[in-house]
Amino acid sequence: MDKPVILIETDRLLIRKISSGDDTGMFELDSDPEVHRFLGNKPFKTIDQSRDQIQFIKKQYIENGIGRWAIEDRVTNEFVGWTGFKLMRETINHHSNYYDFGYRLKRKFWGKGYATESANAAMGYGIDTLQFTDIYGMTDVNNIASRRVLEKIGMTYIETFNYNGEPDWRAMGEPTVWYKKIFPQ
Protein backbone atom coordinates (compact mmCIF):
# COMPACT_ATOMS: atom_id res chain seq x y z
CA MET A 1 0.00 0.00 0.00
CA ASP A 2 1.26 3.48 -0.83
CA LYS A 3 2.22 5.83 1.99
CA PRO A 4 -0.03 8.90 2.36
CA VAL A 5 1.66 12.21 1.48
CA ILE A 6 0.40 15.02 3.73
CA LEU A 7 0.14 18.36 1.95
CA ILE A 8 -1.80 20.56 4.40
CA GLU A 9 -2.64 20.54 8.10
CA THR A 10 -5.50 22.48 9.67
CA ASP A 11 -6.67 22.55 13.28
CA ARG A 12 -8.79 19.42 12.81
CA LEU A 13 -7.75 17.94 9.50
CA LEU A 14 -4.95 16.52 7.39
CA ILE A 15 -5.20 17.02 3.65
CA ARG A 16 -3.12 14.55 1.71
CA LYS A 17 -2.83 12.66 -1.51
CA ILE A 18 -5.37 9.89 -1.83
CA SER A 19 -3.90 6.43 -1.26
CA SER A 20 -5.02 2.88 -1.99
CA GLY A 21 -5.90 2.50 1.69
CA ASP A 22 -8.71 5.02 1.26
CA ASP A 23 -10.89 2.52 -0.61
CA THR A 24 -13.21 1.72 2.31
CA GLY A 25 -13.69 5.38 3.25
CA MET A 26 -14.20 6.34 -0.37
CA PHE A 27 -16.81 3.60 -0.74
CA GLU A 28 -18.63 4.75 2.41
CA LEU A 29 -18.68 8.25 0.91
CA ASP A 30 -19.74 7.41 -2.63
CA SER A 31 -22.21 4.60 -1.84
CA ASP A 32 -24.40 7.00 0.17
CA PRO A 33 -27.42 8.03 -1.94
CA GLU A 34 -27.74 11.27 0.03
CA VAL A 35 -24.13 12.23 -0.86
CA HIS A 36 -25.03 11.67 -4.52
CA ARG A 37 -28.32 13.56 -4.35
CA PHE A 38 -26.89 16.52 -6.27
CA LEU A 39 -24.46 14.43 -8.34
CA GLY A 40 -26.85 12.65 -10.66
CA ASN A 41 -28.00 10.04 -8.11
CA LYS A 42 -25.57 7.31 -9.13
CA PRO A 43 -24.07 6.06 -5.85
CA PHE A 44 -21.39 3.37 -6.03
CA LYS A 45 -22.59 -0.21 -5.72
CA THR A 46 -19.23 -1.95 -5.13
CA ILE A 47 -15.93 -1.15 -3.46
CA ASP A 48 -14.24 -1.87 -6.79
CA GLN A 49 -15.80 1.35 -8.10
CA SER A 50 -14.01 3.20 -5.29
CA ARG A 51 -10.76 1.45 -6.10
CA ASP A 52 -11.14 2.43 -9.75
CA GLN A 53 -11.80 6.04 -8.71
CA ILE A 54 -8.66 6.05 -6.56
CA GLN A 55 -6.59 4.71 -9.46
CA PHE A 56 -8.07 7.41 -11.71
CA ILE A 57 -7.09 10.12 -9.21
CA LYS A 58 -3.59 8.67 -8.82
CA LYS A 59 -3.26 8.69 -12.62
CA GLN A 60 -4.19 12.39 -12.57
CA TYR A 61 -1.37 13.03 -10.08
CA ILE A 62 1.07 11.53 -12.59
CA GLU A 63 -0.36 12.96 -15.82
CA ASN A 64 -1.50 16.39 -14.61
CA GLY A 65 0.51 16.97 -11.44
CA ILE A 66 -2.77 17.44 -9.56
CA GLY A 67 -5.85 15.54 -8.45
CA ARG A 68 -8.33 15.48 -5.58
CA TRP A 69 -6.88 15.09 -2.07
CA ALA A 70 -8.10 13.04 0.87
CA ILE A 71 -9.38 14.78 3.99
CA GLU A 72 -8.50 12.94 7.18
CA ASP A 73 -9.49 13.65 10.78
CA ARG A 74 -6.29 14.51 12.69
CA VAL A 75 -7.39 12.76 15.88
CA THR A 76 -9.08 9.58 14.61
CA ASN A 77 -7.34 9.32 11.22
CA GLU A 78 -10.76 8.62 9.71
CA PHE A 79 -11.30 9.36 6.02
CA VAL A 80 -13.65 12.37 5.98
CA GLY A 81 -13.88 12.89 2.23
CA TRP A 82 -11.91 14.70 -0.44
CA THR A 83 -11.15 18.23 -1.59
CA GLY A 84 -8.96 20.00 -4.08
CA PHE A 85 -8.37 20.44 -7.75
CA LYS A 86 -8.84 18.53 -10.95
CA LEU A 87 -7.42 19.71 -14.27
CA MET A 88 -10.38 19.79 -16.65
CA ARG A 89 -9.24 19.26 -20.21
CA GLU A 90 -12.69 18.59 -21.64
CA THR A 91 -15.01 21.50 -22.35
CA ILE A 92 -17.62 22.32 -19.73
CA ASN A 93 -19.67 25.49 -19.98
CA HIS A 94 -17.45 26.69 -22.86
CA HIS A 95 -14.27 26.35 -20.76
CA SER A 96 -11.43 23.85 -20.99
CA ASN A 97 -7.95 23.46 -19.50
CA TYR A 98 -8.90 24.99 -16.16
CA TYR A 99 -8.73 23.83 -12.56
CA ASP A 100 -12.02 22.62 -11.15
CA PHE A 101 -12.26 23.03 -7.39
CA GLY A 102 -14.41 20.58 -5.51
CA TYR A 103 -15.03 18.65 -2.31
CA ARG A 104 -17.17 15.81 -1.05
CA LEU A 105 -17.63 14.68 2.55
CA LYS A 106 -19.18 11.67 4.22
CA ARG A 107 -22.61 12.64 5.51
CA LYS A 108 -21.68 12.20 9.18
CA PHE A 109 -19.26 15.13 8.78
CA TRP A 110 -21.81 17.52 7.28
CA GLY A 111 -22.75 20.66 9.21
CA LYS A 112 -19.58 20.73 11.33
CA GLY A 113 -17.49 23.16 9.30
CA TYR A 114 -15.24 20.49 7.79
CA ALA A 115 -16.14 21.39 4.20
CA THR A 116 -15.27 25.06 4.69
CA GLU A 117 -12.14 24.29 6.73
CA SER A 118 -10.75 21.83 4.19
CA ALA A 119 -11.84 23.84 1.14
CA ASN A 120 -10.32 27.04 2.47
CA ALA A 121 -7.02 25.30 3.21
CA ALA A 122 -6.94 23.54 -0.17
CA MET A 123 -7.81 26.75 -2.06
CA GLY A 124 -5.04 28.61 -0.22
CA TYR A 125 -2.56 25.88 -1.11
CA GLY A 126 -3.65 25.97 -4.75
CA ILE A 127 -3.17 29.73 -4.95
CA ASP A 128 -0.11 30.26 -2.73
CA THR A 129 1.90 27.08 -3.32
CA LEU A 130 0.75 25.85 -6.72
CA GLN A 131 0.08 29.36 -8.05
CA PHE A 132 -3.14 28.45 -9.84
CA THR A 133 -4.95 31.42 -11.37
CA ASP A 134 -7.75 29.91 -13.44
CA ILE A 135 -10.00 28.20 -10.88
CA TYR A 136 -13.67 27.35 -11.31
CA GLY A 137 -16.19 25.44 -9.25
CA MET A 138 -19.68 24.22 -9.94
CA THR A 139 -22.59 22.68 -8.11
CA ASP A 140 -26.27 21.92 -8.54
CA VAL A 141 -28.33 25.10 -8.21
CA ASN A 142 -30.26 23.56 -5.29
CA ASN A 143 -27.16 22.52 -3.33
CA ILE A 144 -27.29 25.54 -1.04
CA ALA A 145 -24.70 24.16 1.42
CA SER A 146 -22.14 23.67 -1.35
CA ARG A 147 -22.86 27.10 -2.79
CA ARG A 148 -22.22 28.63 0.65
CA VAL A 149 -18.87 26.87 0.94
CA LEU A 150 -17.77 28.10 -2.49
CA GLU A 151 -18.72 31.65 -1.49
CA LYS A 152 -17.04 31.41 1.94
CA ILE A 153 -13.73 30.47 0.30
CA GLY A 154 -13.87 33.52 -1.95
CA MET A 155 -15.39 32.18 -5.14
CA THR A 156 -17.80 34.38 -7.08
CA TYR A 157 -21.01 33.25 -8.75
CA ILE A 158 -20.72 33.81 -12.51
CA GLU A 159 -23.76 32.18 -14.11
CA THR A 160 -26.18 29.29 -14.27
CA PHE A 161 -25.82 26.71 -17.05
CA ASN A 162 -26.91 23.21 -18.01
CA TYR A 163 -24.14 20.76 -17.27
CA ASN A 164 -25.51 18.21 -19.73
CA GLY A 165 -25.54 20.73 -22.57
CA GLU A 166 -29.26 20.62 -23.31
CA PRO A 167 -30.55 23.81 -24.97
CA ASP A 168 -33.21 24.36 -22.31
CA TRP A 169 -31.99 23.10 -18.94
CA ARG A 170 -35.32 24.00 -17.33
CA ALA A 171 -36.91 21.08 -19.19
CA MET A 172 -34.07 18.67 -18.44
CA GLY A 173 -33.76 18.85 -14.67
CA GLU A 174 -31.83 21.08 -12.34
CA PRO A 175 -29.30 23.59 -13.63
CA THR A 176 -25.72 23.98 -12.46
CA VAL A 177 -24.21 27.13 -10.99
CA TRP A 178 -20.75 28.23 -12.12
CA TYR A 179 -18.28 29.95 -9.80
CA LYS A 180 -14.86 31.44 -10.41
CA LYS A 181 -12.05 32.52 -8.13
CA ILE A 182 -11.55 36.20 -9.01
CA PHE A 183 -8.09 37.48 -8.31
CA PRO A 184 -7.42 41.16 -7.56
CA GLN A 185 -5.77 43.03 -10.40
C-alpha atoms as a PDB file:
ATOM      1  CA  MET A   1       0.000   0.000   0.000  1.00  0.00           C
ATOM      2  CA  ASP A   2       1.256   3.481  -0.830  1.00  0.00           C
ATOM      3  CA  LYS A   3       2.219   5.829   1.993  1.00  0.00           C
ATOM      4  CA  PRO A   4      -0.028   8.904   2.364  1.00  0.00           C
ATOM      5  CA  VAL A   5       1.659  12.209   1.476  1.00  0.00           C
ATOM      6  CA  ILE A   6       0.403  15.022   3.735  1.00  0.00           C
ATOM      7  CA  LEU A   7       0.143  18.363   1.953  1.00  0.00           C
ATOM      8  CA  ILE A   8      -1.796  20.563   4.400  1.00  0.00           C
ATOM      9  CA  GLU A   9      -2.639  20.540   8.101  1.00  0.00           C
ATOM     10  CA  THR A  10      -5.499  22.483   9.674  1.00  0.00           C
ATOM     11  CA  ASP A  11      -6.673  22.549  13.277  1.00  0.00           C
ATOM     12  CA  ARG A  12      -8.787  19.420  12.809  1.00  0.00           C
ATOM     13  CA  LEU A  13      -7.747  17.935   9.497  1.00  0.00           C
ATOM     14  CA  LEU A  14      -4.945  16.524   7.392  1.00  0.00           C
ATOM     15  CA  ILE A  15      -5.196  17.017   3.652  1.00  0.00           C
ATOM     16  CA  ARG A  16      -3.124  14.545   1.708  1.00  0.00           C
ATOM     17  CA  LYS A  17      -2.827  12.658  -1.510  1.00  0.00           C
ATOM     18  CA  ILE A  18      -5.372   9.891  -1.834  1.00  0.00           C
ATOM     19  CA  SER A  19      -3.904   6.434  -1.264  1.00  0.00           C
ATOM     20  CA  SER A  20      -5.023   2.878  -1.993  1.00  0.00           C
ATOM     21  CA  GLY A  21      -5.904   2.498   1.690  1.00  0.00           C
ATOM     22  CA  ASP A  22      -8.713   5.024   1.265  1.00  0.00           C
ATOM     23  CA  ASP A  23     -10.888   2.518  -0.613  1.00  0.00           C
ATOM     24  CA  THR A  24     -13.211   1.721   2.307  1.00  0.00           C
ATOM     25  CA  GLY A  25     -13.685   5.376   3.249  1.00  0.00           C
ATOM     26  CA  MET A  26     -14.203   6.342  -0.369  1.00  0.00           C
ATOM     27  CA  PHE A  27     -16.812   3.599  -0.736  1.00  0.00           C
ATOM     28  CA  GLU A  28     -18.625   4.755   2.407  1.00  0.00           C
ATOM     29  CA  LEU A  29     -18.680   8.251   0.907  1.00  0.00           C
ATOM     30  CA  ASP A  30     -19.737   7.407  -2.626  1.00  0.00           C
ATOM     31  CA  SER A  31     -22.206   4.598  -1.843  1.00  0.00           C
ATOM     32  CA  ASP A  32     -24.404   6.997   0.173  1.00  0.00           C
ATOM     33  CA  PRO A  33     -27.424   8.032  -1.942  1.00  0.00           C
ATOM     34  CA  GLU A  34     -27.739  11.273   0.034  1.00  0.00           C
ATOM     35  CA  VAL A  35     -24.135  12.229  -0.863  1.00  0.00           C
ATOM     36  CA  HIS A  36     -25.035  11.668  -4.524  1.00  0.00           C
ATOM     37  CA  ARG A  37     -28.324  13.563  -4.353  1.00  0.00           C
ATOM     38  CA  PHE A  38     -26.893  16.522  -6.271  1.00  0.00           C
ATOM     39  CA  LEU A  39     -24.461  14.434  -8.338  1.00  0.00           C
ATOM     40  CA  GLY A  40     -26.849  12.647 -10.657  1.00  0.00           C
ATOM     41  CA  ASN A  41     -28.002  10.043  -8.110  1.00  0.00           C
ATOM     42  CA  LYS A  42     -25.566   7.312  -9.127  1.00  0.00           C
ATOM     43  CA  PRO A  43     -24.068   6.056  -5.854  1.00  0.00           C
ATOM     44  CA  PHE A  44     -21.392   3.373  -6.032  1.00  0.00           C
ATOM     45  CA  LYS A  45     -22.585  -0.208  -5.722  1.00  0.00           C
ATOM     46  CA  THR A  46     -19.234  -1.948  -5.129  1.00  0.00           C
ATOM     47  CA  ILE A  47     -15.931  -1.152  -3.463  1.00  0.00           C
ATOM     48  CA  ASP A  48     -14.244  -1.874  -6.792  1.00  0.00           C
ATOM     49  CA  GLN A  49     -15.798   1.355  -8.104  1.00  0.00           C
ATOM     50  CA  SER A  50     -14.010   3.199  -5.290  1.00  0.00           C
ATOM     51  CA  ARG A  51     -10.756   1.448  -6.097  1.00  0.00           C
ATOM     52  CA  ASP A  52     -11.141   2.428  -9.750  1.00  0.00           C
ATOM     53  CA  GLN A  53     -11.801   6.038  -8.707  1.00  0.00           C
ATOM     54  CA  ILE A  54      -8.658   6.045  -6.558  1.00  0.00           C
ATOM     55  CA  GLN A  55      -6.594   4.706  -9.460  1.00  0.00           C
ATOM     56  CA  PHE A  56      -8.074   7.410 -11.714  1.00  0.00           C
ATOM     57  CA  ILE A  57      -7.089  10.121  -9.207  1.00  0.00           C
ATOM     58  CA  LYS A  58      -3.587   8.670  -8.821  1.00  0.00           C
ATOM     59  CA  LYS A  59      -3.259   8.689 -12.616  1.00  0.00           C
ATOM     60  CA  GLN A  60      -4.194  12.392 -12.573  1.00  0.00           C
ATOM     61  CA  TYR A  61      -1.373  13.028 -10.081  1.00  0.00           C
ATOM     62  CA  ILE A  62       1.066  11.534 -12.586  1.00  0.00           C
ATOM     63  CA  GLU A  63      -0.361  12.959 -15.817  1.00  0.00           C
ATOM     64  CA  ASN A  64      -1.495  16.391 -14.612  1.00  0.00           C
ATOM     65  CA  GLY A  65       0.506  16.972 -11.445  1.00  0.00           C
ATOM     66  CA  ILE A  66      -2.771  17.437  -9.559  1.00  0.00           C
ATOM     67  CA  GLY A  67      -5.851  15.535  -8.446  1.00  0.00           C
ATOM     68  CA  ARG A  68      -8.331  15.483  -5.576  1.00  0.00           C
ATOM     69  CA  TRP A  69      -6.878  15.093  -2.065  1.00  0.00           C
ATOM     70  CA  ALA A  70      -8.100  13.043   0.873  1.00  0.00           C
ATOM     71  CA  ILE A  71      -9.383  14.778   3.989  1.00  0.00           C
ATOM     72  CA  GLU A  72      -8.502  12.935   7.184  1.00  0.00           C
ATOM     73  CA  ASP A  73      -9.487  13.647  10.780  1.00  0.00           C
ATOM     74  CA  ARG A  74      -6.285  14.509  12.694  1.00  0.00           C
ATOM     75  CA  VAL A  75      -7.392  12.758  15.885  1.00  0.00           C
ATOM     76  CA  THR A  76      -9.078   9.584  14.606  1.00  0.00           C
ATOM     77  CA  ASN A  77      -7.337   9.322  11.216  1.00  0.00           C
ATOM     78  CA  GLU A  78     -10.761   8.616   9.709  1.00  0.00           C
ATOM     79  CA  PHE A  79     -11.300   9.357   6.016  1.00  0.00           C
ATOM     80  CA  VAL A  80     -13.652  12.370   5.978  1.00  0.00           C
ATOM     81  CA  GLY A  81     -13.883  12.895   2.225  1.00  0.00           C
ATOM     82  CA  TRP A  82     -11.911  14.695  -0.443  1.00  0.00           C
ATOM     83  CA  THR A  83     -11.152  18.226  -1.593  1.00  0.00           C
ATOM     84  CA  GLY A  84      -8.958  20.001  -4.077  1.00  0.00           C
ATOM     85  CA  PHE A  85      -8.370  20.439  -7.750  1.00  0.00           C
ATOM     86  CA  LYS A  86      -8.836  18.529 -10.953  1.00  0.00           C
ATOM     87  CA  LEU A  87      -7.423  19.709 -14.269  1.00  0.00           C
ATOM     88  CA  MET A  88     -10.380  19.795 -16.648  1.00  0.00           C
ATOM     89  CA  ARG A  89      -9.237  19.260 -20.212  1.00  0.00           C
ATOM     90  CA  GLU A  90     -12.690  18.591 -21.645  1.00  0.00           C
ATOM     91  CA  THR A  91     -15.013  21.503 -22.351  1.00  0.00           C
ATOM     92  CA  ILE A  92     -17.619  22.316 -19.731  1.00  0.00           C
ATOM     93  CA  ASN A  93     -19.671  25.492 -19.983  1.00  0.00           C
ATOM     94  CA  HIS A  94     -17.448  26.690 -22.856  1.00  0.00           C
ATOM     95  CA  HIS A  95     -14.267  26.348 -20.755  1.00  0.00           C
ATOM     96  CA  SER A  96     -11.429  23.850 -20.990  1.00  0.00           C
ATOM     97  CA  ASN A  97      -7.951  23.465 -19.495  1.00  0.00           C
ATOM     98  CA  TYR A  98      -8.897  24.995 -16.160  1.00  0.00           C
ATOM     99  CA  TYR A  99      -8.728  23.831 -12.557  1.00  0.00           C
ATOM    100  CA  ASP A 100     -12.020  22.621 -11.150  1.00  0.00           C
ATOM    101  CA  PHE A 101     -12.258  23.031  -7.395  1.00  0.00           C
ATOM    102  CA  GLY A 102     -14.410  20.581  -5.507  1.00  0.00           C
ATOM    103  CA  TYR A 103     -15.031  18.653  -2.311  1.00  0.00           C
ATOM    104  CA  ARG A 104     -17.169  15.809  -1.051  1.00  0.00           C
ATOM    105  CA  LEU A 105     -17.631  14.678   2.547  1.00  0.00           C
ATOM    106  CA  LYS A 106     -19.183  11.674   4.220  1.00  0.00           C
ATOM    107  CA  ARG A 107     -22.605  12.635   5.511  1.00  0.00           C
ATOM    108  CA  LYS A 108     -21.679  12.198   9.175  1.00  0.00           C
ATOM    109  CA  PHE A 109     -19.261  15.133   8.780  1.00  0.00           C
ATOM    110  CA  TRP A 110     -21.806  17.524   7.279  1.00  0.00           C
ATOM    111  CA  GLY A 111     -22.750  20.658   9.206  1.00  0.00           C
ATOM    112  CA  LYS A 112     -19.579  20.730  11.332  1.00  0.00           C
ATOM    113  CA  GLY A 113     -17.491  23.158   9.299  1.00  0.00           C
ATOM    114  CA  TYR A 114     -15.236  20.486   7.794  1.00  0.00           C
ATOM    115  CA  ALA A 115     -16.140  21.391   4.204  1.00  0.00           C
ATOM    116  CA  THR A 116     -15.266  25.057   4.688  1.00  0.00           C
ATOM    117  CA  GLU A 117     -12.137  24.293   6.734  1.00  0.00           C
ATOM    118  CA  SER A 118     -10.746  21.829   4.192  1.00  0.00           C
ATOM    119  CA  ALA A 119     -11.838  23.840   1.142  1.00  0.00           C
ATOM    120  CA  ASN A 120     -10.316  27.041   2.474  1.00  0.00           C
ATOM    121  CA  ALA A 121      -7.016  25.298   3.207  1.00  0.00           C
ATOM    122  CA  ALA A 122      -6.943  23.544  -0.174  1.00  0.00           C
ATOM    123  CA  MET A 123      -7.806  26.748  -2.057  1.00  0.00           C
ATOM    124  CA  GLY A 124      -5.042  28.609  -0.223  1.00  0.00           C
ATOM    125  CA  TYR A 125      -2.557  25.882  -1.112  1.00  0.00           C
ATOM    126  CA  GLY A 126      -3.649  25.974  -4.752  1.00  0.00           C
ATOM    127  CA  ILE A 127      -3.170  29.731  -4.949  1.00  0.00           C
ATOM    128  CA  ASP A 128      -0.108  30.257  -2.734  1.00  0.00           C
ATOM    129  CA  THR A 129       1.904  27.084  -3.319  1.00  0.00           C
ATOM    130  CA  LEU A 130       0.754  25.845  -6.720  1.00  0.00           C
ATOM    131  CA  GLN A 131       0.077  29.364  -8.045  1.00  0.00           C
ATOM    132  CA  PHE A 132      -3.141  28.455  -9.835  1.00  0.00           C
ATOM    133  CA  THR A 133      -4.945  31.417 -11.370  1.00  0.00           C
ATOM    134  CA  ASP A 134      -7.746  29.906 -13.444  1.00  0.00           C
ATOM    135  CA  ILE A 135      -9.997  28.197 -10.876  1.00  0.00           C
ATOM    136  CA  TYR A 136     -13.669  27.348 -11.307  1.00  0.00           C
ATOM    137  CA  GLY A 137     -16.190  25.439  -9.247  1.00  0.00           C
ATOM    138  CA  MET A 138     -19.684  24.221  -9.938  1.00  0.00           C
ATOM    139  CA  THR A 139     -22.587  22.676  -8.108  1.00  0.00           C
ATOM    140  CA  ASP A 140     -26.269  21.920  -8.538  1.00  0.00           C
ATOM    141  CA  VAL A 141     -28.325  25.104  -8.211  1.00  0.00           C
ATOM    142  CA  ASN A 142     -30.259  23.565  -5.289  1.00  0.00           C
ATOM    143  CA  ASN A 143     -27.160  22.517  -3.325  1.00  0.00           C
ATOM    144  CA  ILE A 144     -27.293  25.537  -1.038  1.00  0.00           C
ATOM    145  CA  ALA A 145     -24.698  24.165   1.422  1.00  0.00           C
ATOM    146  CA  SER A 146     -22.142  23.665  -1.349  1.00  0.00           C
ATOM    147  CA  ARG A 147     -22.858  27.097  -2.790  1.00  0.00           C
ATOM    148  CA  ARG A 148     -22.221  28.635   0.648  1.00  0.00           C
ATOM    149  CA  VAL A 149     -18.871  26.867   0.943  1.00  0.00           C
ATOM    150  CA  LEU A 150     -17.770  28.105  -2.486  1.00  0.00           C
ATOM    151  CA  GLU A 151     -18.716  31.646  -1.494  1.00  0.00           C
ATOM    152  CA  LYS A 152     -17.043  31.407   1.939  1.00  0.00           C
ATOM    153  CA  ILE A 153     -13.734  30.471   0.302  1.00  0.00           C
ATOM    154  CA  GLY A 154     -13.869  33.517  -1.948  1.00  0.00           C
ATOM    155  CA  MET A 155     -15.390  32.182  -5.142  1.00  0.00           C
ATOM    156  CA  THR A 156     -17.801  34.381  -7.084  1.00  0.00           C
ATOM    157  CA  TYR A 157     -21.007  33.246  -8.746  1.00  0.00           C
ATOM    158  CA  ILE A 158     -20.721  33.807 -12.509  1.00  0.00           C
ATOM    159  CA  GLU A 159     -23.759  32.184 -14.114  1.00  0.00           C
ATOM    160  CA  THR A 160     -26.185  29.288 -14.268  1.00  0.00           C
ATOM    161  CA  PHE A 161     -25.822  26.707 -17.046  1.00  0.00           C
ATOM    162  CA  ASN A 162     -26.915  23.208 -18.014  1.00  0.00           C
ATOM    163  CA  TYR A 163     -24.136  20.764 -17.268  1.00  0.00           C
ATOM    164  CA  ASN A 164     -25.513  18.214 -19.728  1.00  0.00           C
ATOM    165  CA  GLY A 165     -25.542  20.731 -22.574  1.00  0.00           C
ATOM    166  CA  GLU A 166     -29.259  20.618 -23.307  1.00  0.00           C
ATOM    167  CA  PRO A 167     -30.548  23.806 -24.970  1.00  0.00           C
ATOM    168  CA  ASP A 168     -33.213  24.359 -22.312  1.00  0.00           C
ATOM    169  CA  TRP A 169     -31.988  23.098 -18.941  1.00  0.00           C
ATOM    170  CA  ARG A 170     -35.322  24.000 -17.331  1.00  0.00           C
ATOM    171  CA  ALA A 171     -36.913  21.080 -19.191  1.00  0.00           C
ATOM    172  CA  MET A 172     -34.072  18.671 -18.445  1.00  0.00           C
ATOM    173  CA  GLY A 173     -33.757  18.852 -14.666  1.00  0.00           C
ATOM    174  CA  GLU A 174     -31.828  21.077 -12.335  1.00  0.00           C
ATOM    175  CA  PRO A 175     -29.299  23.588 -13.625  1.00  0.00           C
ATOM    176  CA  THR A 176     -25.718  23.984 -12.457  1.00  0.00           C
ATOM    177  CA  VAL A 177     -24.213  27.135 -10.988  1.00  0.00           C
ATOM    178  CA  TRP A 178     -20.750  28.227 -12.119  1.00  0.00           C
ATOM    179  CA  TYR A 179     -18.277  29.947  -9.802  1.00  0.00           C
ATOM    180  CA  LYS A 180     -14.862  31.445 -10.413  1.00  0.00           C
ATOM    181  CA  LYS A 181     -12.050  32.515  -8.132  1.00  0.00           C
ATOM    182  CA  ILE A 182     -11.555  36.196  -9.014  1.00  0.00           C
ATOM    183  CA  PHE A 183      -8.087  37.477  -8.311  1.00  0.00           C
ATOM    184  CA  PRO A 184      -7.416  41.160  -7.564  1.00  0.00           C
ATOM    185  CA  GLN A 185      -5.767  43.033 -10.400  1.00  0.00           C
END
